[in-house]
Amino acid sequence: MSSRNSKVELLSEVMDPHLNDDDRVESKIQKSIMDYLKTVPGSNFAKIAQGPWSKNGVSDIVGCYLGRSVVIEVKRKTGKPTELQKVYLNNNIRAGGFAALSRSVADARAVLEKVKKQVKDKT
């Protein structure tokens, strides 16, 4: 892994017939994470729809928690981010935000805890 990409941390019923099994699993993880994020006070998140007119590399979930930018790239258990996804995640970190590769709700919760800790430490 190049040093440019080393900052990304690995934090450990959508049935679209056009999705393959891997996409279905990833979609379920995204839905579970979004369902969780909707319950978190002080947060505002959106799932980014990917399509022919979307920007390549943009994370699956983007938003704000306690005034901090947070982007989450969702992958199934063995999935890996593309180079463009790594660049997007790292650009958010360089801009002062938080970024995570998430495979579960627990991973998403962990990044929010990290944000909460930093906000608390700075006040």
PDB file of N, CA and C in Angstrom:
ATOM      1  N   MET A   1       0.860  -1.179   0.000  1.00  0.00           N
ATOM      2  CA  MET A   1       0.000   0.000   0.000  1.00  0.00           C
ATOM      3  C   MET A   1       0.900   1.234   0.000  1.00  0.00           C
ATOM      4  N   SER A   2       0.613   2.169  -0.845  1.00  0.00           N
ATOM      5  CA  SER A   2       1.424   3.378  -0.899  1.00  0.00           C
ATOM      6  C   SER A   2       1.129   4.257   0.297  1.00  0.00           C
ATOM      7  N   SER A   3       2.065   5.158   0.604  1.00  0.00           N
ATOM      8  CA  SER A   3       1.869   6.038   1.761  1.00  0.00           C
ATOM      9  C   SER A   3       0.661   6.942   1.553  1.00  0.00           C
ATOM     10  N   ARG A   4       0.335   7.247   0.315  1.00  0.00           N
ATOM     11  CA  ARG A   4      -0.818   8.088   0.025  1.00  0.00           C
ATOM     12  C   ARG A   4      -2.103   7.464   0.551  1.00  0.00           C
ATOM     13  N   ASN A   5      -2.167   6.147   0.545  1.00  0.00           N
ATOM     14  CA  ASN A   5      -3.389   5.456   0.935  1.00  0.00           C
ATOM     15  C   ASN A   5      -3.336   4.874   2.338  1.00  0.00           C
ATOM     16  N   SER A   6      -2.253   5.089   3.056  1.00  0.00           N
ATOM     17  CA  SER A   6      -2.078   4.417   4.337  1.00  0.00           C
ATOM     18  C   SER A   6      -2.938   4.987   5.449  1.00  0.00           C
ATOM     19  N   LYS A   7      -3.565   6.136   5.261  1.00  0.00           N
ATOM     20  CA  LYS A   7      -4.342   6.754   6.327  1.00  0.00           C
ATOM     21  C   LYS A   7      -5.726   6.147   6.501  1.00  0.00           C
ATOM     22  N   VAL A   8      -6.228   5.452   5.504  1.00  0.00           N
ATOM     23  CA  VAL A   8      -7.570   4.888   5.594  1.00  0.00           C
ATOM     24  C   VAL A   8      -7.558   3.771   6.630  1.00  0.00           C
ATOM     25  N   GLU A   9      -8.439   3.870   7.611  1.00  0.00           N
ATOM     26  CA  GLU A   9      -8.508   2.862   8.655  1.00  0.00           C
ATOM     27  C   GLU A   9      -9.532   1.796   8.290  1.00  0.00           C
ATOM     28  N   LEU A  10      -9.155   0.558   8.542  1.00  0.00           N
ATOM     29  CA  LEU A  10     -10.111  -0.528   8.376  1.00  0.00           C
ATOM     30  C   LEU A  10     -10.729  -0.803   9.730  1.00  0.00           C
ATOM     31  N   LEU A  11     -11.890  -0.362   9.934  1.00  0.00           N
ATOM     32  CA  LEU A  11     -12.614  -0.603  11.173  1.00  0.00           C
ATOM     33  C   LEU A  11     -13.342  -1.955  10.977  1.00  0.00           C
ATOM     34  N   SER A  12     -12.820  -2.681  11.909  1.00  0.00           N
ATOM     35  CA  SER A  12     -13.515  -3.928  11.664  1.00  0.00           C
ATOM     36  C   SER A  12     -15.088  -3.888  11.929  1.00  0.00           C
ATOM     37  N   GLU A  13     -33.605  -5.225   3.418  1.00  0.00           N
ATOM     38  CA  GLU A  13     -34.074  -6.257   2.592  1.00  0.00           C
ATOM     39  C   GLU A  13     -34.260  -5.771   1.152  1.00  0.00           C
ATOM     40  N   VAL A  14     -32.837  -5.250   0.746  1.00  0.00           N
ATOM     41  CA  VAL A  14     -32.872  -4.792  -0.629  1.00  0.00           C
ATOM     42  C   VAL A  14     -32.656  -6.001  -1.525  1.00  0.00           C
ATOM     43  N   MET A  15     -33.633  -6.325  -2.407  1.00  0.00           N
ATOM     44  CA  MET A  15     -33.488  -7.494  -3.269  1.00  0.00           C
ATOM     45  C   MET A  15     -33.696  -7.085  -4.726  1.00  0.00           C
ATOM     46  N   ASP A  16     -32.845  -6.236  -5.227  1.00  0.00           N
ATOM     47  CA  ASP A  16     -32.911  -5.795  -6.610  1.00  0.00           C
ATOM     48  C   ASP A  16     -32.442  -6.947  -7.498  1.00  0.00           C
ATOM     49  N   PRO A  17     -33.261  -7.404  -8.431  1.00  0.00           N
ATOM     50  CA  PRO A  17     -32.870  -8.538  -9.267  1.00  0.00           C
ATOM     51  C   PRO A  17     -31.680  -8.237 -10.174  1.00  0.00           C
ATOM     52  N   HIS A  18     -31.332  -6.970 -10.334  1.00  0.00           N
ATOM     53  CA  HIS A  18     -30.208  -6.604 -11.193  1.00  0.00           C
ATOM     54  C   HIS A  18     -28.883  -6.626 -10.446  1.00  0.00           C
ATOM     55  N   LEU A  19     -28.921  -6.819  -9.130  1.00  0.00           N
ATOM     56  CA  LEU A  19     -27.701  -6.856  -8.336  1.00  0.00           C
ATOM     57  C   LEU A  19     -27.188  -8.283  -8.235  1.00  0.00           C
ATOM     58  N   ASN A  20     -25.837  -8.434  -8.253  1.00  0.00           N
ATOM     59  CA  ASN A  20     -25.288  -9.761  -8.015  1.00  0.00           C
ATOM     60  C   ASN A  20     -25.238 -10.012  -6.508  1.00  0.00           C
ATOM     61  N   ASP A  21     -24.845 -11.228  -6.094  1.00  0.00           N
ATOM     62  CA  ASP A  21     -24.865 -11.577  -4.672  1.00  0.00           C
ATOM     63  C   ASP A  21     -23.994 -10.650  -3.835  1.00  0.00           C
ATOM     64  N   ASP A  22     -22.819 -10.280  -4.337  1.00  0.00           N
ATOM     65  CA  ASP A  22     -21.937  -9.393  -3.581  1.00  0.00           C
ATOM     66  C   ASP A  22     -22.574  -8.024  -3.385  1.00  0.00           C
ATOM     67  N   ASP A  23     -23.206  -7.491  -4.441  1.00  0.00           N
ATOM     68  CA  ASP A  23     -23.871  -6.194  -4.341  1.00  0.00           C
ATOM     69  C   ASP A  23     -25.031  -6.259  -3.356  1.00  0.00           C
ATOM     70  N   ARG A  24     -25.775  -7.362  -3.376  1.00  0.00           N
ATOM     71  CA  ARG A  24     -26.897  -7.517  -2.459  1.00  0.00           C
ATOM     72  C   ARG A  24     -26.420  -7.454  -1.018  1.00  0.00           C
ATOM     73  N   VAL A  25     -25.349  -8.166  -0.735  1.00  0.00           N
ATOM     74  CA  VAL A  25     -24.810  -8.165   0.622  1.00  0.00           C
ATOM     75  C   VAL A  25     -24.374  -6.753   0.995  1.00  0.00           C
ATOM     76  N   GLU A  26     -23.663  -6.082   0.103  1.00  0.00           N
ATOM     77  CA  GLU A  26     -23.206  -4.718   0.379  1.00  0.00           C
ATOM     78  C   GLU A  26     -24.401  -3.782   0.574  1.00  0.00           C
ATOM     79  N   SER A  27     -25.438  -3.948  -0.220  1.00  0.00           N
ATOM     80  CA  SER A  27     -26.637  -3.115  -0.077  1.00  0.00           C
ATOM     81  C   SER A  27     -27.301  -3.319   1.278  1.00  0.00           C
ATOM     82  N   LYS A  28     -27.336  -4.551   1.743  1.00  0.00           N
ATOM     83  CA  LYS A  28     -27.919  -4.828   3.062  1.00  0.00           C
ATOM     84  C   LYS A  28     -27.093  -4.178   4.172  1.00  0.00           C
ATOM     85  N   ILE A  29     -25.779  -4.229   4.036  1.00  0.00           N
ATOM     86  CA  ILE A  29     -24.905  -3.595   5.028  1.00  0.00           C
ATOM     87  C   ILE A  29     -25.147  -2.087   5.016  1.00  0.00           C
ATOM     88  N   GLN A  30     -25.211  -1.491   3.821  1.00  0.00           N
ATOM     89  CA  GLN A  30     -25.470  -0.050   3.713  1.00  0.00           C
ATOM     90  C   GLN A  30     -26.795   0.314   4.371  1.00  0.00           C
ATOM     91  N   LYS A  31     -27.829  -0.476   4.113  1.00  0.00           N
ATOM     92  CA  LYS A  31     -29.144  -0.193   4.698  1.00  0.00           C
ATOM     93  C   LYS A  31     -29.081  -0.276   6.216  1.00  0.00           C
ATOM     94  N   SER A  32     -28.426  -1.289   6.737  1.00  0.00           N
ATOM     95  CA  SER A  32     -28.304  -1.437   8.192  1.00  0.00           C
ATOM     96  C   SER A  32     -27.561  -0.261   8.807  1.00  0.00           C
ATOM     97  N   ILE A  33     -26.492   0.167   8.146  1.00  0.00           N
ATOM     98  CA  ILE A  33     -25.726   1.312   8.650  1.00  0.00           C
ATOM     99  C   ILE A  33     -26.574   2.571   8.602  1.00  0.00           C
ATOM    100  N   MET A  34     -27.273   2.796   7.491  1.00  0.00           N
ATOM    101  CA  MET A  34     -28.128   3.985   7.392  1.00  0.00           C
ATOM    102  C   MET A  34     -29.243   3.952   8.436  1.00  0.00           C
ATOM    103  N   ASP A  35     -29.834   2.796   8.671  1.00  0.00           N
ATOM    104  CA  ASP A  35     -30.869   2.682   9.708  1.00  0.00           C
ATOM    105  C   ASP A  35     -30.302   3.083  11.064  1.00  0.00           C
ATOM    106  N   TYR A  36     -29.087   2.648  11.348  1.00  0.00           N
ATOM    107  CA  TYR A  36     -28.435   3.032  12.609  1.00  0.00           C
ATOM    108  C   TYR A  36     -28.166   4.536  12.650  1.00  0.00           C
ATOM    109  N   LEU A  37     -27.578   5.078  11.574  1.00  0.00           N
ATOM    110  CA  LEU A  37     -27.198   6.496  11.558  1.00  0.00           C
ATOM    111  C   LEU A  37     -28.403   7.413  11.749  1.00  0.00           C
ATOM    112  N   LYS A  38     -29.567   6.990  11.270  1.00  0.00           N
ATOM    113  CA  LYS A  38     -30.786   7.794  11.432  1.00  0.00           C
ATOM    114  C   LYS A  38     -31.179   7.950  12.894  1.00  0.00           C
ATOM    115  N   THR A  39     -30.677   7.085  13.757  1.00  0.00           N
ATOM    116  CA  THR A  39     -31.026   7.136  15.185  1.00  0.00           C
ATOM    117  C   THR A  39     -30.028   7.943  16.009  1.00  0.00           C
ATOM    118  N   VAL A  40     -28.956   8.406  15.385  1.00  0.00           N
ATOM    119  CA  VAL A  40     -27.879   9.069  16.128  1.00  0.00           C
ATOM    120  C   VAL A  40     -28.138  10.569  16.203  1.00  0.00           C
ATOM    121  N   PRO A  41     -28.355  11.103  17.418  1.00  0.00           N
ATOM    122  CA  PRO A  41     -28.545  12.551  17.564  1.00  0.00           C
ATOM    123  C   PRO A  41     -27.286  13.303  17.121  1.00  0.00           C
ATOM    124  N   GLY A  42     -27.487  14.455  16.516  1.00  0.00           N
ATOM    125  CA  GLY A  42     -26.353  15.270  16.082  1.00  0.00           C
ATOM    126  C   GLY A  42     -25.730  14.810  14.786  1.00  0.00           C
ATOM    127  N   SER A  43     -26.472  13.981  14.045  1.00  0.00           N
ATOM    128  CA  SER A  43     -25.919  13.473  12.786  1.00  0.00           C
ATOM    129  C   SER A  43     -26.857  13.749  11.618  1.00  0.00           C
ATOM    130  N   ASN A  44     -26.274  13.806  10.439  1.00  0.00           N
ATOM    131  CA  ASN A  44     -27.024  13.968   9.198  1.00  0.00           C
ATOM    132  C   ASN A  44     -26.249  13.226   8.111  1.00  0.00           C
ATOM    133  N   PHE A  45     -26.771  12.091   7.665  1.00  0.00           N
ATOM    134  CA  PHE A  45     -26.079  11.260   6.685  1.00  0.00           C
ATOM    135  C   PHE A  45     -26.988  10.948   5.508  1.00  0.00           C
ATOM    136  N   ALA A  46     -26.369  10.679   4.370  1.00  0.00           N
ATOM    137  CA  ALA A  46     -27.104  10.278   3.176  1.00  0.00           C
ATOM    138  C   ALA A  46     -26.343   9.163   2.474  1.00  0.00           C
ATOM    139  N   LYS A  47     -27.100   8.240   1.900  1.00  0.00           N
ATOM    140  CA  LYS A  47     -26.510   7.203   1.060  1.00  0.00           C
ATOM    141  C   LYS A  47     -26.407   7.789  -0.339  1.00  0.00           C
ATOM    142  N   ILE A  48     -25.246   7.712  -0.906  1.00  0.00           N
ATOM    143  CA  ILE A  48     -25.014   8.274  -2.231  1.00  0.00           C
ATOM    144  C   ILE A  48     -25.351   7.229  -3.295  1.00  0.00           C
ATOM    145  N   ALA A  49     -26.271   7.572  -4.171  1.00  0.00           N
ATOM    146  CA  ALA A  49     -26.652   6.667  -5.258  1.00  0.00           C
ATOM    147  C   ALA A  49     -25.567   6.683  -6.327  1.00  0.00           C
ATOM    148  N   GLN A  50     -25.095   5.522  -6.688  1.00  0.00           N
ATOM    149  CA  GLN A  50     -24.084   5.403  -7.728  1.00  0.00           C
ATOM    150  C   GLN A  50     -24.774   5.134  -9.058  1.00  0.00           C
ATOM    151  N   GLY A  51     -24.311   5.798 -10.079  1.00  0.00           N
ATOM    152  CA  GLY A  51     -24.898   5.621 -11.395  1.00  0.00           C
ATOM    153  C   GLY A  51     -23.985   6.196 -12.449  1.00  0.00           C
ATOM    154  N   PRO A  52     -24.444   6.207 -13.687  1.00  0.00           N
ATOM    155  CA  PRO A  52     -23.589   6.665 -14.784  1.00  0.00           C
ATOM    156  C   PRO A  52     -23.169   8.131 -14.675  1.00  0.00           C
ATOM    157  N   TRP A  53     -23.924   8.945 -13.930  1.00  0.00           N
ATOM    158  CA  TRP A  53     -23.589  10.362 -13.824  1.00  0.00           C
ATOM    159  C   TRP A  53     -22.955  10.721 -12.485  1.00  0.00           C
ATOM    160  N   SER A  54     -22.745   9.722 -11.646  1.00  0.00           N
ATOM    161  CA  SER A  54     -22.134  10.017 -10.348  1.00  0.00           C
ATOM    162  C   SER A  54     -20.615  10.068 -10.481  1.00  0.00           C
ATOM    163  N   LYS A  55     -19.994  10.747  -9.551  1.00  0.00           N
ATOM    164  CA  LYS A  55     -18.539  10.880  -9.543  1.00  0.00           C
ATOM    165  C   LYS A  55     -17.923   9.586  -9.010  1.00  0.00           C
ATOM    166  N   ASN A  56     -16.996   9.022  -9.754  1.00  0.00           N
ATOM    167  CA  ASN A  56     -16.326   7.796  -9.328  1.00  0.00           C
ATOM    168  C   ASN A  56     -15.522   8.027  -8.059  1.00  0.00           C
ATOM    169  N   GLY A  57     -15.584   7.070  -7.154  1.00  0.00           N
ATOM    170  CA  GLY A  57     -14.785   7.128  -5.940  1.00  0.00           C
ATOM    171  C   GLY A  57     -15.490   7.696  -4.731  1.00  0.00           C
ATOM    172  N   VAL A  58     -16.601   8.408  -4.931  1.00  0.00           N
ATOM    173  CA  VAL A  58     -17.315   9.006  -3.799  1.00  0.00           C
ATOM    174  C   VAL A  58     -17.813   7.886  -2.886  1.00  0.00           C
ATOM    175  N   SER A  59     -17.651   8.089  -1.586  1.00  0.00           N
ATOM    176  CA  SER A  59     -18.042   7.068  -0.612  1.00  0.00           C
ATOM    177  C   SER A  59     -19.539   6.782  -0.653  1.00  0.00           C
ATOM    178  N   ASP A  60     -19.905   5.602  -0.187  1.00  0.00           N
ATOM    179  CA  ASP A  60     -21.299   5.163  -0.187  1.00  0.00           C
ATOM    180  C   ASP A  60     -22.174   6.008   0.725  1.00  0.00           C
ATOM    181  N   ILE A  61     -21.625   6.420   1.857  1.00  0.00           N
ATOM    182  CA  ILE A  61     -22.376   7.201   2.840  1.00  0.00           C
ATOM    183  C   ILE A  61     -21.559   8.435   3.193  1.00  0.00           C
ATOM    184  N   VAL A  62     -22.184   9.600   3.084  1.00  0.00           N
ATOM    185  CA  VAL A  62     -21.503  10.852   3.444  1.00  0.00           C
ATOM    186  C   VAL A  62     -22.393  11.636   4.396  1.00  0.00           C
ATOM    187  N   GLY A  63     -21.748  12.395   5.248  1.00  0.00           N
ATOM    188  CA  GLY A  63     -22.551  13.190   6.162  1.00  0.00           C
ATOM    189  C   GLY A  63     -21.734  13.942   7.177  1.00  0.00           C
ATOM    190  N   CYS A  64     -22.424  14.299   8.242  1.00  0.00           N
ATOM    191  CA  CYS A  64     -21.845  15.133   9.281  1.00  0.00           C
ATOM    192  C   CYS A  64     -22.280  14.593  10.639  1.00  0.00           C
ATOM    193  N   TYR A  65     -21.346  14.579  11.583  1.00  0.00           N
ATOM    194  CA  TYR A  65     -21.659  14.178  12.946  1.00  0.00           C
ATOM    195  C   TYR A  65     -20.960  15.140  13.892  1.00  0.00           C
ATOM    196  N   LEU A  66     -21.734  15.773  14.750  1.00  0.00           N
ATOM    197  CA  LEU A  66     -21.215  16.753  15.709  1.00  0.00           C
ATOM    198  C   LEU A  66     -20.358  17.814  15.026  1.00  0.00           C
ATOM    199  N   GLY A  67     -20.792  18.220  13.833  1.00  0.00           N
ATOM    200  CA  GLY A  67     -20.099  19.272  13.104  1.00  0.00           C
ATOM    201  C   GLY A  67     -18.872  18.823  12.335  1.00  0.00           C
ATOM    202  N   ARG A  68     -18.629  17.531  12.249  1.00  0.00           N
ATOM    203  CA  ARG A  68     -17.463  17.006  11.538  1.00  0.00           C
ATOM    204  C   ARG A  68     -17.907  16.204  10.323  1.00  0.00           C
ATOM    205  N   SER A  69     -17.193  16.371   9.234  1.00  0.00           N
ATOM    206  CA  SER A  69     -17.460  15.606   8.022  1.00  0.00           C
ATOM    207  C   SER A  69     -17.070  14.141   8.246  1.00  0.00           C
ATOM    208  N   VAL A  70     -17.958  13.239   7.831  1.00  0.00           N
ATOM    209  CA  VAL A  70     -17.691  11.804   7.950  1.00  0.00           C
ATOM    210  C   VAL A  70     -18.101  11.129   6.643  1.00  0.00           C
ATOM    211  N   VAL A  71     -17.195  10.332   6.084  1.00  0.00           N
ATOM    212  CA  VAL A  71     -17.514   9.545   4.892  1.00  0.00           C
ATOM    213  C   VAL A  71     -17.245   8.078   5.208  1.00  0.00           C
ATOM    214  N   ILE A  72     -18.133   7.227   4.731  1.00  0.00           N
ATOM    215  CA  ILE A  72     -18.029   5.797   5.012  1.00  0.00           C
ATOM    216  C   ILE A  72     -18.141   5.026   3.704  1.00  0.00           C
ATOM    217  N   GLU A  73     -17.122   4.255   3.405  1.00  0.00           N
ATOM    218  CA  GLU A  73     -17.142   3.357   2.255  1.00  0.00           C
ATOM    219  C   GLU A  73     -17.536   1.983   2.779  1.00  0.00           C
ATOM    220  N   VAL A  74     -18.628   1.436   2.269  1.00  0.00           N
ATOM    221  CA  VAL A  74     -19.140   0.155   2.748  1.00  0.00           C
ATOM    222  C   VAL A  74     -18.658  -0.961   1.824  1.00  0.00           C
ATOM    223  N   LYS A  75     -18.134  -1.999   2.434  1.00  0.00           N
ATOM    224  CA  LYS A  75     -17.682  -3.169   1.678  1.00  0.00           C
ATOM    225  C   LYS A  75     -18.132  -4.436   2.386  1.00  0.00           C
ATOM    226  N   ARG A  76     -18.335  -5.477   1.602  1.00  0.00           N
ATOM    227  CA  ARG A  76     -18.633  -6.775   2.197  1.00  0.00           C
ATOM    228  C   ARG A  76     -17.358  -7.307   2.863  1.00  0.00           C
ATOM    229  N   LYS A  77     -17.449  -8.457   3.466  1.00  0.00           N
ATOM    230  CA  LYS A  77     -16.356  -8.989   4.285  1.00  0.00           C
ATOM    231  C   LYS A  77     -15.001  -9.001   3.571  1.00  0.00           C
ATOM    232  N   THR A  78     -14.975  -9.392   2.321  1.00  0.00           N
ATOM    233  CA  THR A  78     -13.698  -9.500   1.610  1.00  0.00           C
ATOM    234  C   THR A  78     -13.479  -8.383   0.595  1.00  0.00           C
ATOM    235  N   GLY A  79     -14.406  -7.429   0.522  1.00  0.00           N
ATOM    236  CA  GLY A  79     -14.298  -6.360  -0.463  1.00  0.00           C
ATOM    237  C   GLY A  79     -13.173  -5.386  -0.152  1.00  0.00           C
ATOM    238  N   LYS A  80     -12.620  -4.809  -1.193  1.00  0.00           N
ATOM    239  CA  LYS A  80     -11.541  -3.828  -1.048  1.00  0.00           C
ATOM    240  C   LYS A  80     -11.921  -2.554  -1.794  1.00  0.00           C
ATOM    241  N   PRO A  81     -11.545  -1.400  -1.251  1.00  0.00           N
ATOM    242  CA  PRO A  81     -11.851  -0.151  -1.953  1.00  0.00           C
ATOM    243  C   PRO A  81     -10.998  -0.004  -3.207  1.00  0.00           C
ATOM    244  N   THR A  82     -11.569   0.669  -4.205  1.00  0.00           N
ATOM    245  CA  THR A  82     -10.806   0.975  -5.413  1.00  0.00           C
ATOM    246  C   THR A  82      -9.812   2.088  -5.103  1.00  0.00           C
ATOM    247  N   GLU A  83      -8.898   2.312  -6.000  1.00  0.00           N
ATOM    248  CA  GLU A  83      -7.930   3.401  -5.808  1.00  0.00           C
ATOM    249  C   GLU A  83      -8.644   4.747  -5.694  1.00  0.00           C
ATOM    250  N   LEU A  84      -9.672   4.975  -6.527  1.00  0.00           N
ATOM    251  CA  LEU A  84     -10.412   6.239  -6.446  1.00  0.00           C
ATOM    252  C   LEU A  84     -11.146   6.378  -5.117  1.00  0.00           C
ATOM    253  N   GLN A  85     -11.655   5.281  -4.592  1.00  0.00           N
ATOM    254  CA  GLN A  85     -12.311   5.329  -3.280  1.00  0.00           C
ATOM    255  C   GLN A  85     -11.303   5.658  -2.186  1.00  0.00           C
ATOM    256  N   LYS A  86     -10.109   5.089  -2.270  1.00  0.00           N
ATOM    257  CA  LYS A  86      -9.054   5.395  -1.293  1.00  0.00           C
ATOM    258  C   LYS A  86      -8.685   6.869  -1.351  1.00  0.00           C
ATOM    259  N   VAL A  87      -8.578   7.399  -2.564  1.00  0.00           N
ATOM    260  CA  VAL A  87      -8.256   8.821  -2.724  1.00  0.00           C
ATOM    261  C   VAL A  87      -9.336   9.680  -2.075  1.00  0.00           C
ATOM    262  N   TYR A  88     -10.608   9.360  -2.323  1.00  0.00           N
ATOM    263  CA  TYR A  88     -11.708  10.139  -1.748  1.00  0.00           C
ATOM    264  C   TYR A  88     -11.677  10.093  -0.220  1.00  0.00           C
ATOM    265  N   LEU A  89     -11.488   8.898   0.334  1.00  0.00           N
ATOM    266  CA  LEU A  89     -11.409   8.756   1.792  1.00  0.00           C
ATOM    267  C   LEU A  89     -10.261   9.589   2.361  1.00  0.00           C
ATOM    268  N   ASN A  90      -9.097   9.482   1.741  1.00  0.00           N
ATOM    269  CA  ASN A  90      -7.934  10.225   2.234  1.00  0.00           C
ATOM    270  C   ASN A  90      -8.075  11.725   2.048  1.00  0.00           C
ATOM    271  N   ASN A  91      -8.726  12.156   0.979  1.00  0.00           N
ATOM    272  CA  ASN A  91      -8.959  13.596   0.794  1.00  0.00           C
ATOM    273  C   ASN A  91      -9.833  14.146   1.911  1.00  0.00           C
ATOM    274  N   ASN A  92     -10.814  13.367   2.354  1.00  0.00           N
ATOM    275  CA  ASN A  92     -11.664  13.812   3.460  1.00  0.00           C
ATOM    276  C   ASN A  92     -10.849  13.934   4.750  1.00  0.00           C
ATOM    277  N   ILE A  93      -9.958  12.986   4.984  1.00  0.00           N
ATOM    278  CA  ILE A  93      -9.088  13.051   6.165  1.00  0.00           C
ATOM    279  C   ILE A  93      -8.183  14.276   6.088  1.00  0.00           C
ATOM    280  N   ARG A  94      -7.568  14.500   4.929  1.00  0.00           N
ATOM    281  CA  ARG A  94      -6.672  15.666   4.770  1.00  0.00           C
ATOM    282  C   ARG A  94      -7.413  16.980   4.952  1.00  0.00           C
ATOM    283  N   ALA A  95      -8.706  16.989   4.645  1.00  0.00           N
ATOM    284  CA  ALA A  95      -9.512  18.205   4.797  1.00  0.00           C
ATOM    285  C   ALA A  95     -10.010  18.376   6.236  1.00  0.00           C
ATOM    286  N   GLY A  96      -9.612  17.474   7.122  1.00  0.00           N
ATOM    287  CA  GLY A  96      -9.996  17.589   8.523  1.00  0.00           C
ATOM    288  C   GLY A  96     -11.185  16.746   8.926  1.00  0.00           C
ATOM    289  N   GLY A  97     -11.679  15.927   8.016  1.00  0.00           N
ATOM    290  CA  GLY A  97     -12.826  15.079   8.317  1.00  0.00           C
ATOM    291  C   GLY A  97     -12.411  13.685   8.739  1.00  0.00           C
ATOM    292  N   PHE A  98     -13.376  12.824   8.808  1.00  0.00           N
ATOM    293  CA  PHE A  98     -13.164  11.435   9.196  1.00  0.00           C
ATOM    294  C   PHE A  98     -13.589  10.539   8.048  1.00  0.00           C
ATOM    295  N   ALA A  99     -12.910   9.407   7.903  1.00  0.00           N
ATOM    296  CA  ALA A  99     -13.228   8.465   6.839  1.00  0.00           C
ATOM    297  C   ALA A  99     -13.038   7.056   7.363  1.00  0.00           C
ATOM    298  N   ALA A 100     -13.881   6.151   6.884  1.00  0.00           N
ATOM    299  CA  ALA A 100     -13.772   4.764   7.329  1.00  0.00           C
ATOM    300  C   ALA A 100     -14.212   3.807   6.241  1.00  0.00           C
ATOM    301  N   LEU A 101     -13.584   2.651   6.242  1.00  0.00           N
ATOM    302  CA  LEU A 101     -14.036   1.515   5.469  1.00  0.00           C
ATOM    303  C   LEU A 101     -14.826   0.667   6.453  1.00  0.00           C
ATOM    304  N   SER A 102     -16.090   0.446   6.171  1.00  0.00           N
ATOM    305  CA  SER A 102     -16.974  -0.207   7.131  1.00  0.00           C
ATOM    306  C   SER A 102     -17.565  -1.478   6.548  1.00  0.00           C
ATOM    307  N   ARG A 103     -17.544  -2.531   7.343  1.00  0.00           N
ATOM    308  CA  ARG A 103     -18.119  -3.810   6.944  1.00  0.00           C
ATOM    309  C   ARG A 103     -19.348  -4.165   7.775  1.00  0.00           C
ATOM    310  N   SER A 104     -19.695  -3.268   8.733  1.00  0.00           N
ATOM    311  CA  SER A 104     -20.808  -3.557   9.639  1.00  0.00           C
ATOM    312  C   SER A 104     -21.265  -2.284  10.340  1.00  0.00           C
ATOM    313  N   VAL A 105     -22.403  -2.380  11.020  1.00  0.00           N
ATOM    314  CA  VAL A 105     -22.882  -1.269  11.840  1.00  0.00           C
ATOM    315  C   VAL A 105     -21.867  -0.974  12.938  1.00  0.00           C
ATOM    316  N   ALA A 106     -21.260  -2.011  13.491  1.00  0.00           N
ATOM    317  CA  ALA A 106     -20.263  -1.810  14.551  1.00  0.00           C
ATOM    318  C   ALA A 106     -19.100  -0.957  14.057  1.00  0.00           C
ATOM    319  N   ASP A 107     -18.675  -1.158  12.819  1.00  0.00           N
ATOM    320  CA  ASP A 107     -17.594  -0.340  12.258  1.00  0.00           C
ATOM    321  C   ASP A 107     -18.023   1.118  12.135  1.00  0.00           C
ATOM    322  N   ALA A 108     -19.245   1.344  11.673  1.00  0.00           N
ATOM    323  CA  ALA A 108     -19.755   2.717  11.551  1.00  0.00           C
ATOM    324  C   ALA A 108     -19.865   3.361  12.927  1.00  0.00           C
ATOM    325  N   ARG A 109     -20.339   2.616  13.893  1.00  0.00           N
ATOM    326  CA  ARG A 109     -20.448   3.120  15.264  1.00  0.00           C
ATOM    327  C   ARG A 109     -19.061   3.507  15.794  1.00  0.00           C
ATOM    328  N   ALA A 110     -18.049   2.719  15.468  1.00  0.00           N
ATOM    329  CA  ALA A 110     -16.688   2.990  15.936  1.00  0.00           C
ATOM    330  C   ALA A 110     -16.160   4.317  15.396  1.00  0.00           C
ATOM    331  N   VAL A 111     -16.444   4.634  14.131  1.00  0.00           N
ATOM    332  CA  VAL A 111     -15.960   5.908  13.596  1.00  0.00           C
ATOM    333  C   VAL A 111     -16.684   7.069  14.265  1.00  0.00           C
ATOM    334  N   LEU A 112     -17.968   6.916  14.574  1.00  0.00           N
ATOM    335  CA  LEU A 112     -18.689   7.984  15.277  1.00  0.00           C
ATOM    336  C   LEU A 112     -18.151   8.166  16.691  1.00  0.00           C
ATOM    337  N   GLU A 113     -17.765   7.083  17.331  1.00  0.00           N
ATOM    338  CA  GLU A 113     -17.151   7.191  18.665  1.00  0.00           C
ATOM    339  C   GLU A 113     -15.831   7.947  18.588  1.00  0.00           C
ATOM    340  N   LYS A 114     -15.083   7.723  17.525  1.00  0.00           N
ATOM    341  CA  LYS A 114     -13.817   8.438  17.324  1.00  0.00           C
ATOM    342  C   LYS A 114     -14.073   9.938  17.161  1.00  0.00           C
ATOM    343  N   VAL A 115     -15.099  10.282  16.382  1.00  0.00           N
ATOM    344  CA  VAL A 115     -15.469  11.692  16.206  1.00  0.00           C
ATOM    345  C   VAL A 115     -15.865  12.286  17.557  1.00  0.00           C
ATOM    346  N   LYS A 116     -16.726  11.586  18.272  1.00  0.00           N
ATOM    347  CA  LYS A 116     -17.215  12.061  19.567  1.00  0.00           C
ATOM    348  C   LYS A 116     -16.059  12.314  20.532  1.00  0.00           C
ATOM    349  N   LYS A 117     -15.093  11.402  20.552  1.00  0.00           N
ATOM    350  CA  LYS A 117     -13.926  11.550  21.432  1.00  0.00           C
ATOM    351  C   LYS A 117     -13.119  12.785  21.059  1.00  0.00           C
ATOM    352  N   GLN A 118     -12.900  12.994  19.754  1.00  0.00           N
ATOM    353  CA  GLN A 118     -12.128  14.161  19.337  1.00  0.00           C
ATOM    354  C   GLN A 118     -12.849  15.454  19.693  1.00  0.00           C
ATOM    355  N   VAL A 119     -14.147  15.499  19.479  1.00  0.00           N
ATOM    356  CA  VAL A 119     -14.923  16.697  19.811  1.00  0.00           C
ATOM    357  C   VAL A 119     -14.847  16.956  21.312  1.00  0.00           C
ATOM    358  N   LYS A 120     -14.997  15.910  22.101  1.00  0.00           N
ATOM    359  CA  LYS A 120     -14.937  16.044  23.559  1.00  0.00           C
ATOM    360  C   LYS A 120     -13.555  16.519  24.008  1.00  0.00           C
ATOM    361  N   ASP A 121     -12.491  15.965  23.417  1.00  0.00           N
ATOM    362  CA  ASP A 121     -11.124  16.339  23.783  1.00  0.00           C
ATOM    363  C   ASP A 121     -10.807  17.789  23.444  1.00  0.00           C
ATOM    364  N   LYS A 122     -11.478  18.338  22.430  1.00  0.00           N
ATOM    365  CA  LYS A 122     -11.205  19.717  22.006  1.00  0.00           C
ATOM    366  C   LYS A 122     -12.054  20.739  22.740  1.00  0.00           C
ATOM    367  N   THR A 123     -12.997  20.291  23.565  1.00  0.00           N
ATOM    368  CA  THR A 123     -13.851  21.245  24.281  1.00  0.00           C
ATOM    369  C   THR A 123     -13.448  21.372  25.728  1.00  0.00           C
TER     370      THR A 123
END
